[in-house]
N, C-alpha and C. Protein backbone atom coordinates (compact mmCIF):
# COMPACT_ATOMS: atom_id res chain seq x y z
N MET A 1 79.96 86.94 100.82
CA MET A 1 80.98 87.93 101.08
C MET A 1 82.30 87.30 101.45
N THR A 2 82.58 86.15 100.96
CA THR A 2 83.82 85.46 101.27
C THR A 2 85.03 86.26 100.84
N ASP A 3 84.91 87.05 99.78
CA ASP A 3 86.05 87.78 99.27
C ASP A 3 86.61 88.78 100.27
N LEU A 4 85.85 89.19 101.28
CA LEU A 4 86.36 90.11 102.28
C LEU A 4 87.44 89.47 103.14
N ASN A 5 87.40 88.17 103.26
CA ASN A 5 88.38 87.48 104.09
C ASN A 5 89.43 86.74 103.29
N GLU A 6 89.32 86.76 101.99
CA GLU A 6 90.25 86.01 101.14
C GLU A 6 91.60 86.70 101.10
N ARG A 7 92.63 85.96 101.31
CA ARG A 7 93.99 86.49 101.34
C ARG A 7 94.55 86.50 99.93
N LEU A 8 95.07 87.63 99.52
CA LEU A 8 95.66 87.73 98.19
C LEU A 8 97.14 88.02 98.33
N ILE A 9 97.93 87.28 97.59
CA ILE A 9 99.36 87.53 97.56
C ILE A 9 99.75 87.74 96.11
N GLN A 10 100.15 88.96 95.80
CA GLN A 10 100.54 89.35 94.45
C GLN A 10 99.49 88.89 93.43
N GLY A 11 98.23 89.16 93.75
CA GLY A 11 97.15 88.87 92.81
C GLY A 11 96.70 87.43 92.77
N GLN A 12 97.28 86.56 93.60
CA GLN A 12 96.88 85.15 93.60
C GLN A 12 96.49 84.73 95.00
N LYS A 13 95.69 83.68 95.09
CA LYS A 13 95.31 83.13 96.39
C LYS A 13 96.54 82.56 97.06
N ALA A 14 96.60 82.76 98.39
CA ALA A 14 97.69 82.17 99.16
C ALA A 14 97.45 80.68 99.27
N PRO A 15 98.52 79.90 99.40
CA PRO A 15 98.33 78.47 99.62
C PRO A 15 97.50 78.26 100.88
N ASP A 16 96.75 77.15 100.91
CA ASP A 16 95.86 76.88 102.04
C ASP A 16 96.59 76.98 103.38
N SER A 17 97.82 76.49 103.46
CA SER A 17 98.54 76.50 104.73
C SER A 17 98.76 77.93 105.22
N LYS A 18 99.03 78.87 104.31
CA LYS A 18 99.25 80.25 104.72
C LYS A 18 97.94 80.90 105.12
N ARG A 19 96.86 80.59 104.41
CA ARG A 19 95.57 81.19 104.73
C ARG A 19 95.08 80.74 106.09
N ARG A 20 95.31 79.50 106.44
CA ARG A 20 94.77 78.97 107.69
C ARG A 20 95.77 79.03 108.83
N GLY A 21 96.97 79.55 108.59
CA GLY A 21 97.96 79.66 109.65
C GLY A 21 98.57 78.32 110.06
N GLU A 22 98.49 77.32 109.16
CA GLU A 22 99.07 76.02 109.48
C GLU A 22 100.58 76.10 109.44
N ILE A 23 101.22 75.20 110.14
CA ILE A 23 102.68 75.18 110.18
C ILE A 23 103.20 74.49 108.93
N ALA A 24 104.12 75.16 108.25
CA ALA A 24 104.69 74.63 107.01
C ALA A 24 105.56 73.42 107.32
N PRO A 25 105.67 72.49 106.37
CA PRO A 25 106.51 71.31 106.58
C PRO A 25 107.94 71.74 106.92
N GLY A 26 108.54 71.03 107.86
CA GLY A 26 109.92 71.34 108.24
C GLY A 26 110.03 72.36 109.36
N ARG A 27 108.91 73.05 109.69
CA ARG A 27 108.95 74.03 110.77
C ARG A 27 108.51 73.37 112.07
N LYS A 28 109.05 73.84 113.18
CA LYS A 28 108.71 73.29 114.49
C LYS A 28 107.39 73.88 114.98
N ARG A 29 106.67 73.09 115.75
CA ARG A 29 105.45 73.56 116.39
C ARG A 29 105.81 74.53 117.51
N ALA A 30 104.84 75.36 117.88
CA ALA A 30 105.05 76.28 118.99
C ALA A 30 105.33 75.50 120.26
N HIS A 31 106.02 76.12 121.19
CA HIS A 31 106.40 75.44 122.43
C HIS A 31 105.23 75.25 123.39
N LEU A 32 104.12 75.93 123.17
CA LEU A 32 102.96 75.78 124.05
C LEU A 32 102.13 74.56 123.63
N PRO A 33 101.50 73.90 124.58
CA PRO A 33 100.63 72.77 124.23
C PRO A 33 99.44 73.25 123.41
N GLU A 34 98.92 72.37 122.59
CA GLU A 34 97.80 72.71 121.71
C GLU A 34 96.60 73.23 122.51
N ALA A 35 96.33 72.64 123.65
CA ALA A 35 95.19 73.07 124.48
C ALA A 35 95.32 74.54 124.87
N LYS A 36 96.54 74.96 125.22
CA LYS A 36 96.78 76.36 125.61
C LYS A 36 96.61 77.28 124.40
N LEU A 37 97.11 76.84 123.24
CA LEU A 37 96.96 77.65 122.02
C LEU A 37 95.48 77.79 121.65
N LEU A 38 94.72 76.71 121.84
CA LEU A 38 93.28 76.79 121.57
C LEU A 38 92.58 77.75 122.52
N GLU A 39 93.05 77.82 123.77
CA GLU A 39 92.50 78.79 124.71
C GLU A 39 92.74 80.21 124.22
N PHE A 40 93.97 80.46 123.75
CA PHE A 40 94.29 81.79 123.22
C PHE A 40 93.44 82.10 121.98
N ALA A 41 93.24 81.10 121.13
CA ALA A 41 92.39 81.29 119.94
C ALA A 41 90.98 81.68 120.36
N GLU A 42 90.45 81.00 121.37
CA GLU A 42 89.11 81.34 121.86
C GLU A 42 89.07 82.74 122.43
N LEU A 43 90.09 83.10 123.21
CA LEU A 43 90.14 84.45 123.76
C LEU A 43 90.16 85.50 122.65
N LEU A 44 90.90 85.19 121.57
CA LEU A 44 90.93 86.12 120.43
C LEU A 44 89.54 86.27 119.82
N PHE A 45 88.81 85.16 119.70
CA PHE A 45 87.44 85.23 119.17
C PHE A 45 86.58 86.14 120.04
N PHE A 46 86.65 85.93 121.37
CA PHE A 46 85.83 86.73 122.28
C PHE A 46 86.26 88.20 122.28
N ALA A 47 87.57 88.42 122.26
CA ALA A 47 88.07 89.80 122.25
C ALA A 47 87.64 90.51 120.98
N TYR A 48 87.74 89.83 119.84
CA TYR A 48 87.32 90.42 118.56
C TYR A 48 85.82 90.70 118.57
N ARG A 49 85.05 89.76 119.11
CA ARG A 49 83.59 89.95 119.20
C ARG A 49 83.26 91.24 119.94
N ASP A 50 83.88 91.44 121.10
CA ASP A 50 83.57 92.61 121.91
C ASP A 50 84.18 93.88 121.34
N PHE A 51 85.39 93.77 120.76
CA PHE A 51 86.06 94.93 120.17
C PHE A 51 85.25 95.48 118.99
N THR A 52 84.68 94.59 118.20
CA THR A 52 83.89 95.03 117.04
C THR A 52 82.43 95.27 117.41
N GLY A 53 81.98 94.71 118.52
CA GLY A 53 80.58 94.84 118.92
C GLY A 53 80.18 96.27 119.22
N ASP A 54 81.08 97.03 119.86
CA ASP A 54 80.76 98.43 120.19
C ASP A 54 80.48 99.25 118.93
N PRO A 55 81.40 99.27 117.95
CA PRO A 55 81.10 100.04 116.74
C PRO A 55 79.98 99.42 115.90
N ASP A 56 79.82 98.09 115.96
CA ASP A 56 78.72 97.45 115.21
C ASP A 56 77.38 98.05 115.61
N ALA A 57 77.19 98.29 116.90
CA ALA A 57 75.93 98.85 117.40
C ALA A 57 75.71 100.26 116.83
N ILE A 58 76.78 101.04 116.70
CA ILE A 58 76.68 102.39 116.12
C ILE A 58 76.42 102.30 114.62
N LEU A 59 77.16 101.43 113.94
CA LEU A 59 77.02 101.27 112.48
C LEU A 59 75.59 100.90 112.08
N LYS A 60 74.96 100.09 112.91
CA LYS A 60 73.60 99.61 112.64
C LYS A 60 72.63 100.78 112.41
N HIS A 61 72.80 101.85 113.18
CA HIS A 61 71.92 103.03 113.06
C HIS A 61 72.10 103.75 111.72
N PHE A 62 73.22 103.52 111.07
CA PHE A 62 73.50 104.18 109.80
C PHE A 62 73.26 103.25 108.61
N GLY A 63 72.92 101.99 108.92
CA GLY A 63 72.73 101.00 107.85
C GLY A 63 74.06 100.55 107.27
N PHE A 64 75.13 100.68 108.04
CA PHE A 64 76.47 100.30 107.60
C PHE A 64 76.91 99.03 108.32
N GLY A 65 77.96 98.41 107.76
CA GLY A 65 78.54 97.21 108.36
C GLY A 65 80.03 97.39 108.58
N ARG A 66 80.70 96.29 108.90
CA ARG A 66 82.13 96.34 109.21
C ARG A 66 82.99 96.77 108.03
N ALA A 67 82.57 96.45 106.83
CA ALA A 67 83.33 96.88 105.65
C ALA A 67 83.35 98.41 105.56
N HIS A 68 82.22 99.03 105.86
CA HIS A 68 82.14 100.50 105.87
C HIS A 68 83.09 101.06 106.94
N HIS A 69 83.11 100.39 108.09
CA HIS A 69 83.96 100.82 109.19
C HIS A 69 85.43 100.78 108.77
N ARG A 70 85.84 99.67 108.15
CA ARG A 70 87.25 99.53 107.74
C ARG A 70 87.64 100.62 106.75
N VAL A 71 86.79 100.83 105.76
CA VAL A 71 87.08 101.85 104.74
C VAL A 71 87.17 103.22 105.40
N LEU A 72 86.20 103.55 106.21
CA LEU A 72 86.18 104.86 106.88
C LEU A 72 87.39 105.03 107.79
N HIS A 73 87.76 103.97 108.50
CA HIS A 73 88.93 104.03 109.39
C HIS A 73 90.19 104.41 108.61
N PHE A 74 90.47 103.69 107.52
CA PHE A 74 91.70 103.94 106.79
C PHE A 74 91.68 105.25 106.02
N VAL A 75 90.54 105.63 105.49
CA VAL A 75 90.45 106.92 104.79
C VAL A 75 90.63 108.06 105.79
N ASN A 76 90.07 107.90 106.98
CA ASN A 76 90.22 108.93 108.01
C ASN A 76 91.66 109.01 108.51
N ARG A 77 92.29 107.88 108.71
CA ARG A 77 93.67 107.86 109.23
C ARG A 77 94.70 108.24 108.16
N HIS A 78 94.34 108.03 106.89
CA HIS A 78 95.28 108.30 105.79
C HIS A 78 94.59 109.16 104.74
N SER A 79 94.24 110.36 105.12
CA SER A 79 93.55 111.27 104.22
C SER A 79 94.33 111.43 102.92
N GLY A 80 93.66 111.27 101.78
CA GLY A 80 94.31 111.34 100.48
C GLY A 80 94.78 109.98 99.98
N LEU A 81 94.35 108.93 100.66
CA LEU A 81 94.71 107.55 100.28
C LEU A 81 94.20 107.24 98.88
N ARG A 82 95.04 106.58 98.08
CA ARG A 82 94.61 106.17 96.74
C ARG A 82 93.69 104.95 96.86
N VAL A 83 92.72 104.87 95.96
CA VAL A 83 91.80 103.73 95.94
C VAL A 83 92.60 102.44 95.78
N ALA A 84 93.61 102.45 94.93
CA ALA A 84 94.44 101.26 94.70
C ALA A 84 95.12 100.81 95.99
N ASP A 85 95.59 101.77 96.81
CA ASP A 85 96.24 101.43 98.08
C ASP A 85 95.23 100.86 99.07
N LEU A 86 94.02 101.41 99.06
CA LEU A 86 92.97 100.90 99.95
C LEU A 86 92.62 99.46 99.60
N LEU A 87 92.56 99.16 98.32
CA LEU A 87 92.30 97.78 97.88
C LEU A 87 93.39 96.85 98.41
N ASP A 88 94.63 97.30 98.35
CA ASP A 88 95.76 96.51 98.81
C ASP A 88 95.72 96.31 100.33
N ILE A 89 95.38 97.34 101.06
CA ILE A 89 95.31 97.26 102.52
C ILE A 89 94.22 96.29 102.96
N LEU A 90 93.04 96.42 102.38
CA LEU A 90 91.89 95.63 102.81
C LEU A 90 91.85 94.24 102.18
N THR A 91 92.63 94.03 101.14
CA THR A 91 92.63 92.78 100.37
C THR A 91 91.20 92.30 100.06
N ILE A 92 90.43 93.21 99.47
CA ILE A 92 89.09 92.87 99.01
C ILE A 92 89.03 93.13 97.51
N THR A 93 87.98 92.65 96.87
CA THR A 93 87.84 92.84 95.44
C THR A 93 87.43 94.28 95.13
N LYS A 94 87.72 94.70 93.91
CA LYS A 94 87.32 96.03 93.45
C LYS A 94 85.81 96.20 93.58
N GLN A 95 85.10 95.14 93.24
CA GLN A 95 83.64 95.16 93.27
C GLN A 95 83.12 95.40 94.68
N SER A 96 83.68 94.72 95.67
CA SER A 96 83.26 94.89 97.06
C SER A 96 83.56 96.31 97.54
N LEU A 97 84.76 96.79 97.24
CA LEU A 97 85.13 98.14 97.66
C LEU A 97 84.25 99.17 96.98
N SER A 98 83.98 98.98 95.69
CA SER A 98 83.17 99.95 94.95
C SER A 98 81.80 100.14 95.58
N ARG A 99 81.18 99.04 95.97
CA ARG A 99 79.84 99.11 96.57
C ARG A 99 79.87 99.90 97.87
N VAL A 100 80.81 99.57 98.75
CA VAL A 100 80.92 100.22 100.06
C VAL A 100 81.31 101.68 99.89
N LEU A 101 82.27 101.95 99.03
CA LEU A 101 82.75 103.31 98.80
C LEU A 101 81.65 104.19 98.22
N LYS A 102 80.88 103.62 97.29
CA LYS A 102 79.78 104.39 96.68
C LYS A 102 78.78 104.83 97.75
N GLU A 103 78.45 103.93 98.68
CA GLU A 103 77.52 104.28 99.76
C GLU A 103 78.09 105.39 100.63
N LEU A 104 79.37 105.27 100.99
CA LEU A 104 79.99 106.28 101.85
C LEU A 104 80.11 107.63 101.14
N ILE A 105 80.35 107.62 99.85
CA ILE A 105 80.42 108.86 99.07
C ILE A 105 79.02 109.45 98.90
N ASP A 106 78.07 108.61 98.50
CA ASP A 106 76.69 109.08 98.28
C ASP A 106 76.08 109.68 99.54
N LYS A 107 76.45 109.14 100.70
CA LYS A 107 75.88 109.62 101.96
C LYS A 107 76.72 110.73 102.60
N GLY A 108 77.78 111.16 101.90
CA GLY A 108 78.54 112.31 102.35
C GLY A 108 79.59 112.08 103.42
N TYR A 109 80.10 110.85 103.54
CA TYR A 109 81.12 110.56 104.53
C TYR A 109 82.53 110.62 103.96
N ILE A 110 82.64 110.41 102.65
CA ILE A 110 83.94 110.41 101.97
C ILE A 110 83.77 111.18 100.65
N VAL A 111 84.83 111.88 100.25
CA VAL A 111 84.86 112.50 98.93
C VAL A 111 86.02 111.90 98.16
N GLN A 112 85.85 111.87 96.85
CA GLN A 112 86.87 111.30 95.96
C GLN A 112 87.34 112.42 95.03
N ARG A 113 88.65 112.58 94.93
CA ARG A 113 89.21 113.61 94.05
C ARG A 113 90.27 112.99 93.15
N ALA A 114 90.48 113.63 92.01
CA ALA A 114 91.53 113.18 91.09
C ALA A 114 92.88 113.59 91.67
N GLY A 115 93.91 112.78 91.40
CA GLY A 115 95.25 113.09 91.87
C GLY A 115 95.82 114.31 91.16
N CYS A 116 96.74 115.01 91.79
CA CYS A 116 97.35 116.21 91.20
C CYS A 116 98.30 115.84 90.06
N SER A 117 99.17 114.85 90.30
CA SER A 117 100.15 114.48 89.28
C SER A 117 99.57 113.52 88.24
N ASP A 118 98.62 112.70 88.64
CA ASP A 118 97.98 111.76 87.72
C ASP A 118 96.47 111.87 87.91
N ARG A 119 95.82 112.50 86.94
CA ARG A 119 94.38 112.76 87.04
C ARG A 119 93.56 111.46 87.06
N ARG A 120 94.17 110.34 86.66
CA ARG A 120 93.45 109.06 86.68
C ARG A 120 93.38 108.47 88.09
N GLU A 121 94.31 108.91 88.95
CA GLU A 121 94.31 108.43 90.33
C GLU A 121 93.07 108.94 91.05
N ARG A 122 92.49 108.08 91.88
CA ARG A 122 91.36 108.52 92.69
C ARG A 122 91.82 108.54 94.15
N LEU A 123 91.80 109.74 94.73
CA LEU A 123 92.23 109.93 96.11
C LEU A 123 91.00 110.10 97.00
N LEU A 124 91.07 109.52 98.19
CA LEU A 124 89.92 109.52 99.10
C LEU A 124 90.19 110.39 100.33
N PHE A 125 89.20 111.18 100.68
CA PHE A 125 89.29 112.07 101.84
C PHE A 125 88.02 111.95 102.67
N PRO A 126 88.14 112.00 104.00
CA PRO A 126 86.92 112.01 104.81
C PRO A 126 86.33 113.41 104.81
N THR A 127 85.03 113.51 104.83
CA THR A 127 84.39 114.80 105.02
C THR A 127 84.37 115.05 106.54
N ASP A 128 83.90 116.22 106.95
CA ASP A 128 83.77 116.48 108.39
C ASP A 128 82.83 115.44 109.01
N LYS A 129 81.77 115.13 108.28
CA LYS A 129 80.79 114.13 108.72
C LYS A 129 81.45 112.74 108.83
N GLY A 130 82.30 112.42 107.87
CA GLY A 130 83.01 111.13 107.88
C GLY A 130 84.01 111.04 109.01
N ARG A 131 84.74 112.14 109.23
CA ARG A 131 85.72 112.17 110.32
C ARG A 131 85.00 112.01 111.67
N ALA A 132 83.86 112.68 111.82
CA ALA A 132 83.10 112.59 113.08
C ALA A 132 82.63 111.15 113.32
N LEU A 133 82.14 110.48 112.26
CA LEU A 133 81.68 109.10 112.42
C LEU A 133 82.86 108.17 112.73
N ALA A 134 83.98 108.36 112.04
CA ALA A 134 85.16 107.52 112.29
C ALA A 134 85.61 107.66 113.75
N GLU A 135 85.60 108.88 114.26
CA GLU A 135 86.00 109.12 115.65
C GLU A 135 84.99 108.53 116.62
N ARG A 136 83.72 108.62 116.27
CA ARG A 136 82.67 108.03 117.12
C ARG A 136 82.81 106.51 117.19
N LEU A 137 83.14 105.89 116.06
CA LEU A 137 83.32 104.43 116.01
C LEU A 137 84.57 103.99 116.77
N ALA A 138 85.62 104.81 116.70
CA ALA A 138 86.88 104.47 117.37
C ALA A 138 86.81 104.68 118.88
N ALA A 139 86.00 105.62 119.32
CA ALA A 139 85.97 106.00 120.75
C ALA A 139 85.79 104.82 121.70
N PRO A 140 84.76 103.97 121.53
CA PRO A 140 84.63 102.85 122.48
C PRO A 140 85.76 101.83 122.36
N GLN A 141 86.33 101.71 121.17
CA GLN A 141 87.44 100.78 120.99
C GLN A 141 88.69 101.28 121.72
N LEU A 142 88.91 102.60 121.67
CA LEU A 142 90.06 103.18 122.36
C LEU A 142 89.91 103.03 123.87
N VAL A 143 88.70 103.22 124.37
CA VAL A 143 88.45 103.04 125.80
C VAL A 143 88.73 101.59 126.19
N ARG A 144 88.24 100.65 125.38
CA ARG A 144 88.45 99.22 125.66
C ARG A 144 89.95 98.86 125.62
N LEU A 145 90.67 99.36 124.62
CA LEU A 145 92.11 99.09 124.51
C LEU A 145 92.87 99.67 125.69
N ASN A 146 92.55 100.90 126.04
CA ASN A 146 93.23 101.56 127.16
C ASN A 146 93.01 100.79 128.46
N ALA A 147 91.77 100.38 128.71
CA ALA A 147 91.45 99.63 129.93
C ALA A 147 92.17 98.28 129.95
N ALA A 148 92.21 97.61 128.80
CA ALA A 148 92.86 96.30 128.72
C ALA A 148 94.36 96.43 128.96
N LEU A 149 94.99 97.44 128.36
CA LEU A 149 96.43 97.64 128.55
C LEU A 149 96.74 97.99 130.01
N LYS A 150 95.89 98.80 130.60
CA LYS A 150 96.09 99.18 132.02
C LYS A 150 95.97 97.94 132.91
N THR A 151 94.97 97.10 132.63
CA THR A 151 94.76 95.88 133.41
C THR A 151 95.92 94.91 133.23
N ALA A 152 96.47 94.86 132.02
CA ALA A 152 97.57 93.93 131.72
C ALA A 152 98.85 94.29 132.48
N GLY A 153 98.97 95.53 132.93
CA GLY A 153 100.09 95.92 133.77
C GLY A 153 101.28 96.51 133.03
N PRO A 154 102.33 96.83 133.79
CA PRO A 154 103.52 97.47 133.21
C PRO A 154 104.14 96.63 132.08
N GLY A 155 104.57 97.30 131.05
CA GLY A 155 105.21 96.63 129.92
C GLY A 155 104.24 96.02 128.93
N ALA A 156 102.94 96.10 129.23
CA ALA A 156 101.95 95.47 128.35
C ALA A 156 101.92 96.08 126.96
N GLU A 157 102.09 97.38 126.88
CA GLU A 157 102.00 98.05 125.57
C GLU A 157 103.00 97.46 124.57
N ALA A 158 104.25 97.34 124.99
CA ALA A 158 105.28 96.80 124.10
C ALA A 158 105.02 95.33 123.78
N THR A 159 104.60 94.56 124.78
CA THR A 159 104.33 93.14 124.58
C THR A 159 103.17 92.92 123.63
N VAL A 160 102.09 93.67 123.84
CA VAL A 160 100.92 93.54 122.97
C VAL A 160 101.27 93.96 121.55
N HIS A 161 102.06 95.03 121.42
CA HIS A 161 102.46 95.48 120.08
C HIS A 161 103.24 94.39 119.36
N ARG A 162 104.20 93.79 120.04
CA ARG A 162 104.99 92.70 119.43
C ARG A 162 104.11 91.52 119.08
N PHE A 163 103.19 91.17 119.97
CA PHE A 163 102.28 90.04 119.74
C PHE A 163 101.41 90.28 118.51
N LEU A 164 100.78 91.43 118.44
CA LEU A 164 99.89 91.72 117.31
C LEU A 164 100.67 91.78 116.00
N GLU A 165 101.85 92.38 116.05
CA GLU A 165 102.69 92.44 114.86
C GLU A 165 103.08 91.03 114.39
N ALA A 166 103.38 90.16 115.34
CA ALA A 166 103.76 88.78 115.02
C ALA A 166 102.58 87.98 114.47
N MET A 167 101.35 88.39 114.76
CA MET A 167 100.17 87.72 114.23
C MET A 167 99.95 88.00 112.75
N VAL A 168 100.55 89.08 112.26
CA VAL A 168 100.44 89.44 110.84
C VAL A 168 101.36 88.50 110.05
N ASN A 169 100.89 88.02 108.90
CA ASN A 169 101.73 87.17 108.05
C ASN A 169 103.08 87.84 107.80
N ALA A 170 104.14 87.08 107.91
CA ALA A 170 105.50 87.62 107.82
C ALA A 170 105.73 88.45 106.56
N GLU A 171 105.22 87.98 105.42
CA GLU A 171 105.44 88.71 104.17
C GLU A 171 104.67 90.03 104.12
N GLU A 172 103.68 90.19 104.98
CA GLU A 172 102.87 91.41 105.02
C GLU A 172 103.40 92.43 106.03
N ARG A 173 104.26 92.01 106.95
CA ARG A 173 104.71 92.89 108.03
C ARG A 173 105.37 94.17 107.55
N PRO A 174 106.27 94.13 106.54
CA PRO A 174 106.86 95.40 106.09
C PRO A 174 105.80 96.38 105.58
N LYS A 175 104.81 95.86 104.85
CA LYS A 175 103.75 96.73 104.33
C LYS A 175 102.94 97.32 105.49
N VAL A 176 102.60 96.48 106.47
CA VAL A 176 101.83 96.95 107.62
C VAL A 176 102.63 97.99 108.40
N SER A 177 103.92 97.74 108.60
CA SER A 177 104.77 98.70 109.32
C SER A 177 104.81 100.04 108.59
N SER A 178 104.88 99.97 107.27
CA SER A 178 104.89 101.19 106.46
C SER A 178 103.59 101.96 106.60
N ILE A 179 102.48 101.25 106.59
CA ILE A 179 101.16 101.89 106.74
C ILE A 179 101.06 102.52 108.13
N MET A 180 101.49 101.77 109.14
CA MET A 180 101.42 102.27 110.52
C MET A 180 102.31 103.50 110.70
N ALA A 181 103.48 103.49 110.09
CA ALA A 181 104.39 104.63 110.21
C ALA A 181 103.81 105.88 109.57
N ALA A 182 102.97 105.69 108.55
CA ALA A 182 102.37 106.82 107.86
C ALA A 182 101.12 107.34 108.55
N SER A 183 100.63 106.61 109.57
CA SER A 183 99.43 107.04 110.29
C SER A 183 99.71 108.29 111.09
N PRO A 184 98.81 109.28 111.02
CA PRO A 184 99.02 110.47 111.83
C PRO A 184 98.89 110.13 113.31
N VAL A 185 99.71 110.75 114.12
CA VAL A 185 99.63 110.54 115.56
C VAL A 185 98.63 111.55 116.09
N PRO A 186 97.53 111.08 116.71
CA PRO A 186 96.54 112.02 117.21
C PRO A 186 97.12 112.89 118.31
N LEU A 187 96.67 114.14 118.34
CA LEU A 187 97.10 115.05 119.39
C LEU A 187 96.34 114.74 120.66
N GLU A 188 96.77 115.35 121.74
CA GLU A 188 96.07 115.15 123.01
C GLU A 188 94.63 115.55 122.86
N GLU A 189 93.81 115.10 123.80
CA GLU A 189 92.39 115.38 123.77
C GLU A 189 92.15 116.86 123.60
N GLY A 190 91.23 117.20 122.71
CA GLY A 190 90.91 118.60 122.44
C GLY A 190 91.65 119.13 121.24
N GLY A 191 92.78 118.48 120.85
CA GLY A 191 93.52 118.91 119.68
C GLY A 191 92.97 118.24 118.45
N LYS A 192 93.47 118.65 117.30
CA LYS A 192 93.01 118.05 116.05
C LYS A 192 94.16 117.31 115.42
N GLY A 193 93.94 116.03 115.12
CA GLY A 193 94.96 115.22 114.45
C GLY A 193 94.64 115.12 112.98
N GLY A 194 95.61 114.71 112.18
CA GLY A 194 95.37 114.50 110.75
C GLY A 194 95.29 115.80 109.99
N ASP A 195 94.89 115.70 108.71
CA ASP A 195 94.81 116.89 107.87
C ASP A 195 93.45 116.95 107.21
N GLN A 196 93.08 118.07 106.72
CA GLN A 196 91.80 118.21 106.01
C GLN A 196 91.95 119.22 104.94
């Protein structure tokens, strides 16, 4: 399943330095010592382990994995998303997406419809069952994020946002910002966000 992590830039593999986050020739190293940067790298590994561990335990009961979670997350957040756009967001192969999508459609979590203006377009929508699972998977992650931001103290939200945005490859940031801007803002607890 290496293709799930493979970085694609305009249909081609990124140079090794971009894929591994190495510093390009002529650029200065970060001002922090390498030991401190390695500590942050380790913390990211542990944070990712725990952040994904909560939904992983839920996914296991459904026979799903993280790829299913990613697809369900974006289809739920961007109801009516084109299959082509989902491929671009996830940077996975058509074959990998097809397998995961077929399972989610066959089990009634996602429906696929033809586009209104272009019948060849395939648009993806969560079913009520899919929306419920997406919300169930997000719930422990939202609790964890909220607790971490609260613990980090005043101003943490803006700092964390800038940090995470800066972790995204520079050439991908405009696309990510565009996707984030198109995300529906959930209503307060008890309200319904998104469209159906």
